[in-house]
Amino acid sequence: MVEGVASRGAQPVRGIMLMIVAVASLTVLDSTAKFLSGDLPVIEIVWARYMFSLLIFPIVFPHDSIRQAFRTDRLWIQIGRALLLMGATGSIFFAVRYLPLAEAYAISFVAPFLVALFAVLFLGEKVSAKRWLAITLGFGGAVIVIQPGGEAFNWAVIFPLTMAVCWALYQVVTRLISSTEPPLTTLFFTMMVGATVMSGVVPFYWVMPGQQEWMLMVFMGVVGLFGQFLLIKAYSAAASSLLAPFAYTQIIWAMLIGLFVFGDFPNTSTIVGVLIIISGGFLVTSSSREPG
C-alpha cells in the first residue's frame, strides 16, 4: 500500500508544520488576488501569479538546481498536476472576488474529505468507518455553509466547489509523485505550465496595471512560489490523509484578513458549518493512525 510504504520514512510533525505555514502563505496569496480583482481581470491575476513565480524561480534557486528541475521521468503526470493547480488557482481567485474570504474557504474545505476519497481510489489507502463518518460530516457542514435553495444561496459557490475538486486531486497527485520526483522539479513544472498556458490566454483580457498593481503581482509570485514549495515539502514528509485536515488553519487567517482588510466576517451558518467540517477533520486525523 502506497501510504504504508511512504510513511516509514515520514516526519509527521515536520510535515504538519510545513503544511500550516504553506496554507498561511497561500491565504495571503488569495487575499492579494481578491484585492487586485477590484481593478484587474481574474485571468490576468492568475497569469501574474504563475509568471512572476516562474521569473523569480531562477533567482531563488541556484543554477545547478535549475538544471535539475528540468529532469523528470513523469512528464505527463507533472503537466496534469500543474493543470489541476491552475484550475484550483483560477477557481479560488474567482471565488474570493464574489464571496467573503472565510465563506469561500469554508466551502472549499470539502477538499480534505475529497482527498480521503481520492486516496482510496488512486493511492490504495484504506478508509476506516470513523473516516467515512468524518467524510459525511464534512459534506454536511459544507451544505450548511452553502444553503442550497435558501435565500442566502449565492451562485458563486460553484467556484470554491470546483477549487475543492481540483485541489484534492492535486494533493493526491503530489503525494503520488513525491517519492520519485524531487520537490524542485515538481515546483518548476507547476510554475512553467501555469505561466505558459495563461500567457496564451491573458492577451484577450489584458488591462494595463498601475504601479501598485505591478508590485502586488510580483508579491503574489514570491508568496505563491514560497507556499507551493512548502506544500510539496510537506507531502514529502507526511501522508496526505494526515496533512489534509491542517488546511483548516486557513479559516483563521481568512477571518482575520477578511475582517481587518475587507470588513467581512462570516455569518452564523458559515461558522456552524465550519465547526462541523473541522470536527470531521479531527476524525480524519485520528483515524489516519488506525488500520483500515
C-alpha atoms as a PDB file:
ATOM      1  CA  MET A   1       0.000   0.000   0.000  1.00  0.00           C
ATOM      2  CA  VAL A   2       1.400   3.394  -1.005  1.00  0.00           C
ATOM      3  CA  GLU A   3       0.791   5.185   2.284  1.00  0.00           C
ATOM      4  CA  GLY A   4       2.272   2.365   4.307  1.00  0.00           C
ATOM      5  CA  VAL A   5       5.473   2.376   2.273  1.00  0.00           C
ATOM      6  CA  ALA A   6       5.840   6.141   2.305  1.00  0.00           C
ATOM      7  CA  SER A   7       5.075   6.609   5.974  1.00  0.00           C
ATOM      8  CA  ARG A   8       8.034   4.542   7.176  1.00  0.00           C
ATOM      9  CA  GLY A   9      10.369   7.390   6.322  1.00  0.00           C
ATOM     10  CA  ALA A  10       7.898  10.160   7.040  1.00  0.00           C
ATOM     11  CA  GLN A  11       8.311  13.026   9.517  1.00  0.00           C
ATOM     12  CA  PRO A  12       4.736  13.793  10.621  1.00  0.00           C
ATOM     13  CA  VAL A  13       5.460  16.809  12.863  1.00  0.00           C
ATOM     14  CA  ARG A  14       7.681  18.461  10.270  1.00  0.00           C
ATOM     15  CA  GLY A  15       5.084  17.805   7.588  1.00  0.00           C
ATOM     16  CA  ILE A  16       2.316  19.329   9.705  1.00  0.00           C
ATOM     17  CA  MET A  17       4.335  22.488  10.439  1.00  0.00           C
ATOM     18  CA  LEU A  18       5.218  22.885   6.762  1.00  0.00           C
ATOM     19  CA  MET A  19       1.548  22.463   5.861  1.00  0.00           C
ATOM     20  CA  ILE A  20       0.424  25.158   8.306  1.00  0.00           C
ATOM     21  CA  VAL A  21       2.951  27.714   7.021  1.00  0.00           C
ATOM     22  CA  ALA A  22       2.150  26.757   3.420  1.00  0.00           C
ATOM     23  CA  VAL A  23      -1.586  27.381   3.757  1.00  0.00           C
ATOM     24  CA  ALA A  24      -0.926  30.650   5.599  1.00  0.00           C
ATOM     25  CA  SER A  25       1.183  31.799   2.641  1.00  0.00           C
ATOM     26  CA  LEU A  26      -1.485  30.735   0.160  1.00  0.00           C
ATOM     27  CA  THR A  27      -4.150  32.586   2.162  1.00  0.00           C
ATOM     28  CA  VAL A  28      -2.100  35.769   1.783  1.00  0.00           C
ATOM     29  CA  LEU A  29      -1.825  34.989  -1.930  1.00  0.00           C
ATOM     30  CA  ASP A  30      -5.602  34.624  -2.325  1.00  0.00           C
ATOM     31  CA  SER A  31      -6.211  37.781  -0.281  1.00  0.00           C
ATOM     32  CA  THR A  32      -3.917  39.738  -2.592  1.00  0.00           C
ATOM     33  CA  ALA A  33      -5.822  38.328  -5.573  1.00  0.00           C
ATOM     34  CA  LYS A  34      -9.106  39.460  -4.007  1.00  0.00           C
ATOM     35  CA  PHE A  35      -7.702  42.964  -3.565  1.00  0.00           C
ATOM     36  CA  LEU A  36      -6.457  43.102  -7.159  1.00  0.00           C
ATOM     37  CA  SER A  37      -9.717  41.744  -8.613  1.00  0.00           C
ATOM     38  CA  GLY A  38     -11.352  45.105  -7.981  1.00  0.00           C
ATOM     39  CA  ASP A  39      -9.223  46.621 -10.767  1.00  0.00           C
ATOM     40  CA  LEU A  40      -7.902  43.742 -12.890  1.00  0.00           C
ATOM     41  CA  PRO A  41      -9.492  40.717 -14.622  1.00  0.00           C
ATOM     42  CA  VAL A  42      -9.109  37.453 -12.714  1.00  0.00           C
ATOM     43  CA  ILE A  43      -7.463  35.828 -15.754  1.00  0.00           C
ATOM     44  CA  GLU A  44      -4.721  38.458 -15.634  1.00  0.00           C
ATOM     45  CA  ILE A  45      -4.243  37.908 -11.902  1.00  0.00           C
ATOM     46  CA  VAL A  46      -3.871  34.144 -12.420  1.00  0.00           C
ATOM     47  CA  TRP A  47      -1.306  34.829 -15.163  1.00  0.00           C
ATOM     48  CA  ALA A  48       0.653  37.113 -12.837  1.00  0.00           C
ATOM     49  CA  ARG A  49       0.647  34.532 -10.059  1.00  0.00           C
ATOM     50  CA  TYR A  50       2.409  31.979 -12.298  1.00  0.00           C
ATOM     51  CA  MET A  51       4.520  34.230 -14.478  1.00  0.00           C
ATOM     52  CA  PHE A  52       6.202  36.079 -11.635  1.00  0.00           C
ATOM     53  CA  SER A  53       6.756  32.858  -9.701  1.00  0.00           C
ATOM     54  CA  LEU A  54       8.476  31.442 -12.778  1.00  0.00           C
ATOM     55  CA  LEU A  55      10.629  34.569 -13.212  1.00  0.00           C
ATOM     56  CA  ILE A  56      11.623  34.533  -9.544  1.00  0.00           C
ATOM     57  CA  PHE A  57      12.418  30.800  -9.600  1.00  0.00           C
ATOM     58  CA  PRO A  58      15.988  31.106 -11.010  1.00  0.00           C
ATOM     59  CA  ILE A  59      16.739  33.942  -8.565  1.00  0.00           C
ATOM     60  CA  VAL A  60      15.749  31.900  -5.530  1.00  0.00           C
ATOM     61  CA  PHE A  61      17.372  28.635  -6.533  1.00  0.00           C
ATOM     62  CA  PRO A  62      20.997  28.109  -7.652  1.00  0.00           C
ATOM     63  CA  HIS A  63      21.997  27.308 -11.242  1.00  0.00           C
ATOM     64  CA  ASP A  64      22.651  23.596 -10.656  1.00  0.00           C
ATOM     65  CA  SER A  65      19.214  23.226  -9.107  1.00  0.00           C
ATOM     66  CA  ILE A  66      17.604  24.853 -12.145  1.00  0.00           C
ATOM     67  CA  ARG A  67      19.222  22.302 -14.433  1.00  0.00           C
ATOM     68  CA  GLN A  68      17.995  19.501 -12.193  1.00  0.00           C
ATOM     69  CA  ALA A  69      14.476  20.927 -12.155  1.00  0.00           C
ATOM     70  CA  PHE A  70      14.076  20.218 -15.888  1.00  0.00           C
ATOM     71  CA  ARG A  71      14.622  16.497 -15.364  1.00  0.00           C
ATOM     72  CA  THR A  72      11.558  14.352 -14.847  1.00  0.00           C
ATOM     73  CA  ASP A  73      10.605  10.755 -15.541  1.00  0.00           C
ATOM     74  CA  ARG A  74       6.898  11.548 -15.218  1.00  0.00           C
ATOM     75  CA  LEU A  75       6.376  14.436 -17.605  1.00  0.00           C
ATOM     76  CA  TRP A  76       2.668  13.960 -18.305  1.00  0.00           C
ATOM     77  CA  ILE A  77       1.831  13.487 -14.648  1.00  0.00           C
ATOM     78  CA  GLN A  78       3.733  16.686 -13.855  1.00  0.00           C
ATOM     79  CA  ILE A  79       1.803  18.554 -16.550  1.00  0.00           C
ATOM     80  CA  GLY A  80      -1.504  17.141 -15.374  1.00  0.00           C
ATOM     81  CA  ARG A  81      -0.722  18.070 -11.781  1.00  0.00           C
ATOM     82  CA  ALA A  82       0.169  21.620 -12.815  1.00  0.00           C
ATOM     83  CA  LEU A  83      -3.103  21.951 -14.757  1.00  0.00           C
ATOM     84  CA  LEU A  84      -5.040  20.813 -11.680  1.00  0.00           C
ATOM     85  CA  LEU A  85      -3.366  23.504  -9.583  1.00  0.00           C
ATOM     86  CA  MET A  86      -4.055  26.089 -12.280  1.00  0.00           C
ATOM     87  CA  GLY A  87      -7.735  25.093 -12.162  1.00  0.00           C
ATOM     88  CA  ALA A  88      -7.731  25.403  -8.380  1.00  0.00           C
ATOM     89  CA  THR A  89      -5.976  28.781  -8.534  1.00  0.00           C
ATOM     90  CA  GLY A  90      -8.387  30.233 -11.076  1.00  0.00           C
ATOM     91  CA  SER A  91     -11.402  28.889  -9.180  1.00  0.00           C
ATOM     92  CA  ILE A  92     -10.373  30.294  -5.795  1.00  0.00           C
ATOM     93  CA  PHE A  93      -9.452  33.665  -7.331  1.00  0.00           C
ATOM     94  CA  PHE A  94     -12.943  33.877  -8.865  1.00  0.00           C
ATOM     95  CA  ALA A  95     -14.416  32.670  -5.555  1.00  0.00           C
ATOM     96  CA  VAL A  96     -12.792  35.364  -3.415  1.00  0.00           C
ATOM     97  CA  ARG A  97     -13.818  38.013  -5.935  1.00  0.00           C
ATOM     98  CA  TYR A  98     -17.508  37.277  -5.381  1.00  0.00           C
ATOM     99  CA  LEU A  99     -17.528  35.808  -1.861  1.00  0.00           C
ATOM    100  CA  PRO A 100     -16.029  36.771   1.527  1.00  0.00           C
ATOM    101  CA  LEU A 101     -12.719  35.018   2.169  1.00  0.00           C
ATOM    102  CA  ALA A 102     -13.990  32.948   5.092  1.00  0.00           C
ATOM    103  CA  GLU A 103     -17.069  31.744   3.204  1.00  0.00           C
ATOM    104  CA  ALA A 104     -15.048  30.802   0.113  1.00  0.00           C
ATOM    105  CA  TYR A 105     -12.602  28.808   2.236  1.00  0.00           C
ATOM    106  CA  ALA A 106     -15.386  27.211   4.284  1.00  0.00           C
ATOM    107  CA  ILE A 107     -16.942  25.766   1.124  1.00  0.00           C
ATOM    108  CA  SER A 108     -13.581  24.728  -0.310  1.00  0.00           C
ATOM    109  CA  PHE A 109     -12.866  22.836   2.914  1.00  0.00           C
ATOM    110  CA  VAL A 110     -14.627  19.814   1.469  1.00  0.00           C
ATOM    111  CA  ALA A 111     -11.252  19.247  -0.256  1.00  0.00           C
ATOM    112  CA  PRO A 112      -9.688  17.255   2.642  1.00  0.00           C
ATOM    113  CA  PHE A 113     -12.603  14.850   2.525  1.00  0.00           C
ATOM    114  CA  LEU A 114     -12.274  14.539  -1.228  1.00  0.00           C
ATOM    115  CA  VAL A 115      -8.575  13.826  -0.647  1.00  0.00           C
ATOM    116  CA  ALA A 116      -9.565  10.887   1.556  1.00  0.00           C
ATOM    117  CA  LEU A 117     -11.952   9.618  -1.112  1.00  0.00           C
ATOM    118  CA  PHE A 118      -9.472  10.047  -3.957  1.00  0.00           C
ATOM    119  CA  ALA A 119      -6.703   8.474  -1.871  1.00  0.00           C
ATOM    120  CA  VAL A 120      -8.814   5.332  -1.727  1.00  0.00           C
ATOM    121  CA  LEU A 121      -9.296   5.330  -5.484  1.00  0.00           C
ATOM    122  CA  PHE A 122      -5.824   6.356  -6.641  1.00  0.00           C
ATOM    123  CA  LEU A 123      -3.376   5.599  -3.828  1.00  0.00           C
ATOM    124  CA  GLY A 124      -4.883   2.406  -2.458  1.00  0.00           C
ATOM    125  CA  GLU A 125      -5.284   3.866   1.040  1.00  0.00           C
ATOM    126  CA  LYS A 126      -7.794   2.176   3.346  1.00  0.00           C
ATOM    127  CA  VAL A 127     -10.613   4.139   4.960  1.00  0.00           C
ATOM    128  CA  SER A 128     -11.995   3.163   8.365  1.00  0.00           C
ATOM    129  CA  ALA A 129     -15.605   3.556   9.492  1.00  0.00           C
ATOM    130  CA  LYS A 130     -14.558   6.575  11.568  1.00  0.00           C
ATOM    131  CA  ARG A 131     -13.100   8.271   8.497  1.00  0.00           C
ATOM    132  CA  TRP A 132     -16.260   7.599   6.469  1.00  0.00           C
ATOM    133  CA  LEU A 133     -18.177   9.301   9.283  1.00  0.00           C
ATOM    134  CA  ALA A 134     -15.753  12.229   9.045  1.00  0.00           C
ATOM    135  CA  ILE A 135     -16.350  12.480   5.301  1.00  0.00           C
ATOM    136  CA  THR A 136     -20.110  12.541   5.903  1.00  0.00           C
ATOM    137  CA  LEU A 137     -19.707  15.309   8.500  1.00  0.00           C
ATOM    138  CA  GLY A 138     -17.540  17.280   6.100  1.00  0.00           C
ATOM    139  CA  PHE A 139     -20.090  17.293   3.341  1.00  0.00           C
ATOM    140  CA  GLY A 140     -22.879  18.002   5.803  1.00  0.00           C
ATOM    141  CA  GLY A 141     -21.039  21.051   7.083  1.00  0.00           C
ATOM    142  CA  ALA A 142     -20.474  22.250   3.524  1.00  0.00           C
ATOM    143  CA  VAL A 143     -24.217  22.000   2.813  1.00  0.00           C
ATOM    144  CA  ILE A 144     -24.931  24.195   5.859  1.00  0.00           C
ATOM    145  CA  VAL A 145     -22.496  26.832   4.579  1.00  0.00           C
ATOM    146  CA  ILE A 146     -23.795  26.732   1.001  1.00  0.00           C
ATOM    147  CA  GLN A 147     -27.513  26.655   1.980  1.00  0.00           C
ATOM    148  CA  PRO A 148     -28.763  25.287  -1.342  1.00  0.00           C
ATOM    149  CA  GLY A 149     -32.297  26.514  -2.036  1.00  0.00           C
ATOM    150  CA  GLY A 150     -32.107  29.116   0.733  1.00  0.00           C
ATOM    151  CA  GLU A 151     -32.371  32.885   0.407  1.00  0.00           C
ATOM    152  CA  ALA A 152     -28.665  33.251   1.175  1.00  0.00           C
ATOM    153  CA  PHE A 153     -27.615  30.919  -1.656  1.00  0.00           C
ATOM    154  CA  ASN A 154     -25.024  32.501  -3.954  1.00  0.00           C
ATOM    155  CA  TRP A 155     -24.341  31.131  -7.437  1.00  0.00           C
ATOM    156  CA  ALA A 156     -20.615  31.848  -6.906  1.00  0.00           C
ATOM    157  CA  VAL A 157     -20.327  28.789  -4.615  1.00  0.00           C
ATOM    158  CA  ILE A 158     -19.558  26.845  -7.807  1.00  0.00           C
ATOM    159  CA  PHE A 159     -16.061  28.370  -7.741  1.00  0.00           C
ATOM    160  CA  PRO A 160     -14.906  27.128  -4.302  1.00  0.00           C
ATOM    161  CA  LEU A 161     -16.518  23.741  -5.030  1.00  0.00           C
ATOM    162  CA  THR A 162     -14.564  23.492  -8.282  1.00  0.00           C
ATOM    163  CA  MET A 163     -11.461  24.583  -6.417  1.00  0.00           C
ATOM    164  CA  ALA A 164     -12.032  21.803  -3.854  1.00  0.00           C
ATOM    165  CA  VAL A 165     -12.172  19.093  -6.534  1.00  0.00           C
ATOM    166  CA  CYS A 166      -9.063  20.385  -8.346  1.00  0.00           C
ATOM    167  CA  TRP A 167      -7.174  20.934  -5.095  1.00  0.00           C
ATOM    168  CA  ALA A 168      -7.973  17.461  -3.768  1.00  0.00           C
ATOM    169  CA  LEU A 169      -6.828  15.785  -6.983  1.00  0.00           C
ATOM    170  CA  TYR A 170      -3.722  17.996  -6.985  1.00  0.00           C
ATOM    171  CA  GLN A 171      -2.810  16.914  -3.447  1.00  0.00           C
ATOM    172  CA  VAL A 172      -3.273  13.228  -4.260  1.00  0.00           C
ATOM    173  CA  VAL A 173      -1.104  13.513  -7.381  1.00  0.00           C
ATOM    174  CA  THR A 174       1.508  15.460  -5.393  1.00  0.00           C
ATOM    175  CA  ARG A 175       1.616  12.638  -2.869  1.00  0.00           C
ATOM    176  CA  LEU A 176       1.772  10.066  -5.673  1.00  0.00           C
ATOM    177  CA  ILE A 177       4.920  11.528  -7.254  1.00  0.00           C
ATOM    178  CA  SER A 178       6.626  12.874  -4.112  1.00  0.00           C
ATOM    179  CA  SER A 179       8.603   9.656  -3.598  1.00  0.00           C
ATOM    180  CA  THR A 180      10.177   9.706  -7.075  1.00  0.00           C
ATOM    181  CA  GLU A 181      10.222  13.357  -8.196  1.00  0.00           C
ATOM    182  CA  PRO A 182      12.411  15.994  -6.468  1.00  0.00           C
ATOM    183  CA  PRO A 183      10.361  18.826  -4.909  1.00  0.00           C
ATOM    184  CA  LEU A 184      12.190  21.377  -7.048  1.00  0.00           C
ATOM    185  CA  THR A 185      11.207  19.584 -10.241  1.00  0.00           C
ATOM    186  CA  THR A 186       7.570  19.450  -9.207  1.00  0.00           C
ATOM    187  CA  LEU A 187       7.635  23.140  -8.254  1.00  0.00           C
ATOM    188  CA  PHE A 188       9.253  24.160 -11.546  1.00  0.00           C
ATOM    189  CA  PHE A 189       6.723  22.339 -13.706  1.00  0.00           C
ATOM    190  CA  THR A 190       3.906  23.877 -11.671  1.00  0.00           C
ATOM    191  CA  MET A 191       5.130  27.378 -12.476  1.00  0.00           C
ATOM    192  CA  MET A 192       6.152  26.681 -16.079  1.00  0.00           C
ATOM    193  CA  VAL A 193       2.907  25.033 -17.161  1.00  0.00           C
ATOM    194  CA  GLY A 194       0.769  27.684 -15.475  1.00  0.00           C
ATOM    195  CA  ALA A 195       2.763  30.568 -16.967  1.00  0.00           C
ATOM    196  CA  THR A 196       2.777  29.005 -20.449  1.00  0.00           C
ATOM    197  CA  VAL A 197      -0.954  28.258 -20.589  1.00  0.00           C
ATOM    198  CA  MET A 198      -2.029  31.590 -19.092  1.00  0.00           C
ATOM    199  CA  SER A 199       0.298  33.559 -21.395  1.00  0.00           C
ATOM    200  CA  GLY A 200      -1.738  32.247 -24.319  1.00  0.00           C
ATOM    201  CA  VAL A 201      -4.990  33.421 -22.729  1.00  0.00           C
ATOM    202  CA  VAL A 202      -4.171  36.685 -20.945  1.00  0.00           C
ATOM    203  CA  PRO A 203      -3.824  38.924 -24.070  1.00  0.00           C
ATOM    204  CA  PHE A 204      -7.607  38.647 -24.588  1.00  0.00           C
ATOM    205  CA  TYR A 205      -8.280  40.023 -21.095  1.00  0.00           C
ATOM    206  CA  TRP A 206      -5.351  42.399 -20.604  1.00  0.00           C
ATOM    207  CA  VAL A 207      -5.792  45.603 -18.602  1.00  0.00           C
ATOM    208  CA  MET A 208      -2.662  47.687 -18.031  1.00  0.00           C
ATOM    209  CA  PRO A 209      -1.807  47.557 -14.308  1.00  0.00           C
ATOM    210  CA  GLY A 210      -0.678  50.605 -12.363  1.00  0.00           C
ATOM    211  CA  GLN A 211       2.493  50.744 -10.285  1.00  0.00           C
ATOM    212  CA  GLN A 212       0.766  49.393  -7.163  1.00  0.00           C
ATOM    213  CA  GLU A 213      -0.802  46.534  -9.127  1.00  0.00           C
ATOM    214  CA  TRP A 214       2.583  45.559 -10.621  1.00  0.00           C
ATOM    215  CA  MET A 215       4.121  45.476  -7.151  1.00  0.00           C
ATOM    216  CA  LEU A 216       1.313  43.327  -5.787  1.00  0.00           C
ATOM    217  CA  MET A 217       1.572  40.941  -8.730  1.00  0.00           C
ATOM    218  CA  VAL A 218       5.289  40.473  -8.072  1.00  0.00           C
ATOM    219  CA  PHE A 219       4.459  39.920  -4.400  1.00  0.00           C
ATOM    220  CA  MET A 220       1.974  37.210  -5.461  1.00  0.00           C
ATOM    221  CA  GLY A 221       4.738  35.485  -7.397  1.00  0.00           C
ATOM    222  CA  VAL A 222       7.002  35.414  -4.341  1.00  0.00           C
ATOM    223  CA  VAL A 223       4.316  34.243  -1.906  1.00  0.00           C
ATOM    224  CA  GLY A 224       2.934  31.690  -4.363  1.00  0.00           C
ATOM    225  CA  LEU A 225       6.359  30.188  -5.030  1.00  0.00           C
ATOM    226  CA  PHE A 226       7.126  30.019  -1.314  1.00  0.00           C
ATOM    227  CA  GLY A 227       3.774  28.465  -0.412  1.00  0.00           C
ATOM    228  CA  GLN A 228       3.874  25.830  -3.137  1.00  0.00           C
ATOM    229  CA  PHE A 229       7.428  24.802  -2.270  1.00  0.00           C
ATOM    230  CA  LEU A 230       6.486  24.329   1.379  1.00  0.00           C
ATOM    231  CA  LEU A 231       3.400  22.355   0.370  1.00  0.00           C
ATOM    232  CA  ILE A 232       5.430  19.986  -1.790  1.00  0.00           C
ATOM    233  CA  LYS A 233       7.946  19.520   1.039  1.00  0.00           C
ATOM    234  CA  ALA A 234       5.082  18.815   3.459  1.00  0.00           C
ATOM    235  CA  TYR A 235       3.772  15.994   1.291  1.00  0.00           C
ATOM    236  CA  SER A 236       7.260  14.585   1.060  1.00  0.00           C
ATOM    237  CA  ALA A 237       7.368  14.394   4.860  1.00  0.00           C
ATOM    238  CA  ALA A 238       3.935  13.008   5.793  1.00  0.00           C
ATOM    239  CA  ALA A 239       0.912  11.171   4.413  1.00  0.00           C
ATOM    240  CA  SER A 240      -1.840  13.074   2.600  1.00  0.00           C
ATOM    241  CA  SER A 241      -4.585  11.789   4.925  1.00  0.00           C
ATOM    242  CA  LEU A 242      -2.681  13.134   7.953  1.00  0.00           C
ATOM    243  CA  LEU A 243      -1.899  16.544   6.464  1.00  0.00           C
ATOM    244  CA  ALA A 244      -5.216  17.333   4.804  1.00  0.00           C
ATOM    245  CA  PRO A 245      -7.113  18.478   7.943  1.00  0.00           C
ATOM    246  CA  PHE A 246      -4.431  21.056   8.783  1.00  0.00           C
ATOM    247  CA  ALA A 247      -5.588  23.029   5.768  1.00  0.00           C
ATOM    248  CA  TYR A 248      -8.321  24.213   8.158  1.00  0.00           C
ATOM    249  CA  THR A 249      -5.893  26.695   9.679  1.00  0.00           C
ATOM    250  CA  GLN A 250      -6.683  28.789   6.604  1.00  0.00           C
ATOM    251  CA  ILE A 251     -10.005  29.791   8.133  1.00  0.00           C
ATOM    252  CA  ILE A 252      -8.193  31.589  10.964  1.00  0.00           C
ATOM    253  CA  TRP A 253      -6.140  33.692   8.568  1.00  0.00           C
ATOM    254  CA  ALA A 254      -9.155  34.205   6.301  1.00  0.00           C
ATOM    255  CA  MET A 255     -11.290  35.529   9.163  1.00  0.00           C
ATOM    256  CA  LEU A 256      -8.566  37.906  10.339  1.00  0.00           C
ATOM    257  CA  ILE A 257      -7.731  39.228   6.875  1.00  0.00           C
ATOM    258  CA  GLY A 258     -11.398  39.371   5.886  1.00  0.00           C
ATOM    259  CA  LEU A 259     -12.246  41.390   8.995  1.00  0.00           C
ATOM    260  CA  PHE A 260      -9.324  43.827   9.068  1.00  0.00           C
ATOM    261  CA  VAL A 261      -8.700  44.255   5.334  1.00  0.00           C
ATOM    262  CA  PHE A 262     -12.083  43.738   3.660  1.00  0.00           C
ATOM    263  CA  GLY A 263     -14.505  44.346   6.537  1.00  0.00           C
ATOM    264  CA  ASP A 264     -16.066  40.881   6.189  1.00  0.00           C
ATOM    265  CA  PHE A 265     -16.975  38.456   8.932  1.00  0.00           C
ATOM    266  CA  PRO A 266     -18.584  35.024   8.485  1.00  0.00           C
ATOM    267  CA  ASN A 267     -22.287  34.669   9.289  1.00  0.00           C
ATOM    268  CA  THR A 268     -23.714  32.170  11.758  1.00  0.00           C
ATOM    269  CA  SER A 269     -24.366  29.412   9.211  1.00  0.00           C
ATOM    270  CA  THR A 270     -20.791  29.685   7.944  1.00  0.00           C
ATOM    271  CA  ILE A 271     -19.371  29.405  11.475  1.00  0.00           C
ATOM    272  CA  VAL A 272     -21.602  26.408  12.303  1.00  0.00           C
ATOM    273  CA  GLY A 273     -20.722  24.701   9.035  1.00  0.00           C
ATOM    274  CA  VAL A 274     -17.003  25.283   9.563  1.00  0.00           C
ATOM    275  CA  LEU A 275     -17.153  23.836  13.087  1.00  0.00           C
ATOM    276  CA  ILE A 276     -18.849  20.687  11.757  1.00  0.00           C
ATOM    277  CA  ILE A 277     -16.316  20.372   8.935  1.00  0.00           C
ATOM    278  CA  ILE A 278     -13.407  20.826  11.343  1.00  0.00           C
ATOM    279  CA  SER A 279     -14.889  18.208  13.684  1.00  0.00           C
ATOM    280  CA  GLY A 280     -14.886  15.810  10.759  1.00  0.00           C
ATOM    281  CA  GLY A 281     -11.314  16.830  10.048  1.00  0.00           C
ATOM    282  CA  PHE A 282     -10.203  15.797  13.512  1.00  0.00           C
ATOM    283  CA  LEU A 283     -11.845  12.420  12.952  1.00  0.00           C
ATOM    284  CA  VAL A 284      -9.876  12.079   9.722  1.00  0.00           C
ATOM    285  CA  THR A 285      -6.677  12.884  11.628  1.00  0.00           C
ATOM    286  CA  SER A 286      -7.315  10.394  14.431  1.00  0.00           C
ATOM    287  CA  SER A 287      -8.409   7.642  12.045  1.00  0.00           C
ATOM    288  CA  SER A 288      -5.318   8.126   9.877  1.00  0.00           C
ATOM    289  CA  ARG A 289      -3.309   6.302  12.559  1.00  0.00           C
ATOM    290  CA  GLU A 290      -5.680   3.353  12.667  1.00  0.00           C
ATOM    291  CA  PRO A 291      -5.568   0.315  10.417  1.00  0.00           C
ATOM    292  CA  GLY A 292      -8.187   0.217   7.667  1.00  0.00           C
END
